[in-house]
Amino acid sequence: MATETTATYTQLRVQCLDCGLHFIICTDYPDWWQKKVTGRQRQTPMYCPECGQHLGKFLLWKAEVEGFIFQAVPGGAEMDSVGL
């Protein structure tokens, strides 16, 4: 009997509590974002792409998604522009 495996990745669906931006991070390493204590501040390697906040003030939802990241990003979307 052959067993079929399905590839999965994690989507971290994020809202920054400083500026309100919503964004999605696709990763094969679902726990990379967890907070680290450095001196007196708790920091996370996650940065808001809008305001740069990285002190962990995020709402975070985690979802396991079937497939590979390259199938979703860019997926079937048309390229809009290239900035070089």
Protein backbone atom coordinates (compact mmCIF):
# COMPACT_ATOMS: atom_id res chain seq x y z
CA MET A 1 0.00 0.00 0.00
CA ALA A 2 1.38 3.41 -0.96
CA THR A 3 0.93 6.26 1.44
CA GLU A 4 0.52 9.75 0.11
CA THR A 5 2.06 12.69 1.94
CA THR A 6 0.83 16.21 1.54
CA ALA A 7 3.18 19.17 1.85
CA THR A 8 2.13 21.87 4.29
CA TYR A 9 3.42 25.22 5.45
CA THR A 10 2.35 27.71 8.10
CA GLN A 11 0.71 31.05 7.48
CA LEU A 12 1.15 33.57 10.27
CA ARG A 13 -1.68 36.07 9.85
CA VAL A 14 -0.62 39.21 11.67
CA GLN A 15 -2.01 42.57 12.74
CA CYS A 16 0.40 45.19 14.09
CA LEU A 17 -1.01 46.80 17.22
CA ASP A 18 1.02 50.00 16.65
CA CYS A 19 -0.08 50.95 13.12
CA GLY A 20 -2.91 48.46 12.43
CA LEU A 21 -1.36 46.91 9.30
CA HIS A 22 -2.53 43.38 8.43
CA PHE A 23 0.01 41.11 6.71
CA ILE A 24 0.74 37.41 6.17
CA ILE A 25 4.03 35.57 6.66
CA CYS A 26 4.44 32.18 4.96
CA THR A 27 7.01 29.91 6.62
CA ASP A 28 8.15 26.33 6.97
CA TYR A 29 9.29 27.15 10.53
CA PRO A 30 6.14 28.06 12.52
CA ASP A 31 7.88 28.98 15.81
CA TRP A 32 10.64 31.30 14.50
CA TRP A 33 8.75 34.44 15.55
CA GLN A 34 8.54 33.75 19.29
CA LYS A 35 9.71 36.48 21.65
CA LYS A 36 13.23 36.63 23.00
CA VAL A 37 14.37 38.55 26.07
CA THR A 38 17.31 40.85 25.39
CA GLY A 39 18.26 43.02 28.33
CA ARG A 40 15.06 44.57 29.63
CA GLN A 41 13.13 44.44 26.37
CA ARG A 42 11.25 41.53 24.91
CA GLN A 43 11.88 41.46 21.19
CA THR A 44 10.72 39.26 18.38
CA PRO A 45 12.44 38.75 15.01
CA MET A 46 9.09 39.74 13.45
CA TYR A 47 9.07 43.34 12.19
CA CYS A 48 6.06 45.25 10.95
CA PRO A 49 6.81 46.14 7.30
CA GLU A 50 4.90 49.42 7.67
CA CYS A 51 6.11 50.99 10.95
CA GLY A 52 9.09 48.78 11.95
CA GLN A 53 7.65 47.80 15.36
CA HIS A 54 9.38 44.64 16.69
CA LEU A 55 8.54 44.53 20.38
CA GLY A 56 5.94 41.80 19.95
CA LYS A 57 2.84 44.02 19.84
CA PHE A 58 1.03 41.89 17.27
CA LEU A 59 -2.19 39.93 17.06
CA LEU A 60 -1.27 36.60 15.51
CA TRP A 61 -3.30 33.81 13.98
CA LYS A 62 -1.61 30.60 12.85
CA ALA A 63 -2.94 28.39 10.04
CA GLU A 64 -1.52 25.22 8.52
CA VAL A 65 -1.99 25.35 4.75
CA GLU A 66 -1.73 22.46 2.29
CA GLY A 67 0.77 22.78 -0.53
CA PHE A 68 4.06 24.59 -1.00
CA ILE A 69 4.68 28.30 -0.41
CA PHE A 70 5.61 28.86 -4.07
CA GLN A 71 2.14 27.63 -5.07
CA ALA A 72 0.55 30.51 -3.12
CA VAL A 73 3.20 33.19 -3.62
CA PRO A 74 3.07 34.18 -6.43
CA GLY A 75 0.72 31.34 -7.34
CA GLY A 76 -1.26 32.19 -10.46
CA ALA A 77 -1.08 35.96 -9.96
CA GLU A 78 0.06 38.16 -12.83
CA MET A 79 3.24 40.16 -12.32
CA ASP A 80 2.41 43.84 -11.93
CA SER A 81 5.85 45.42 -12.01
CA VAL A 82 9.52 44.83 -11.34
CA GLY A 83 11.60 47.34 -9.42
CA LEU A 84 15.31 47.09 -10.01
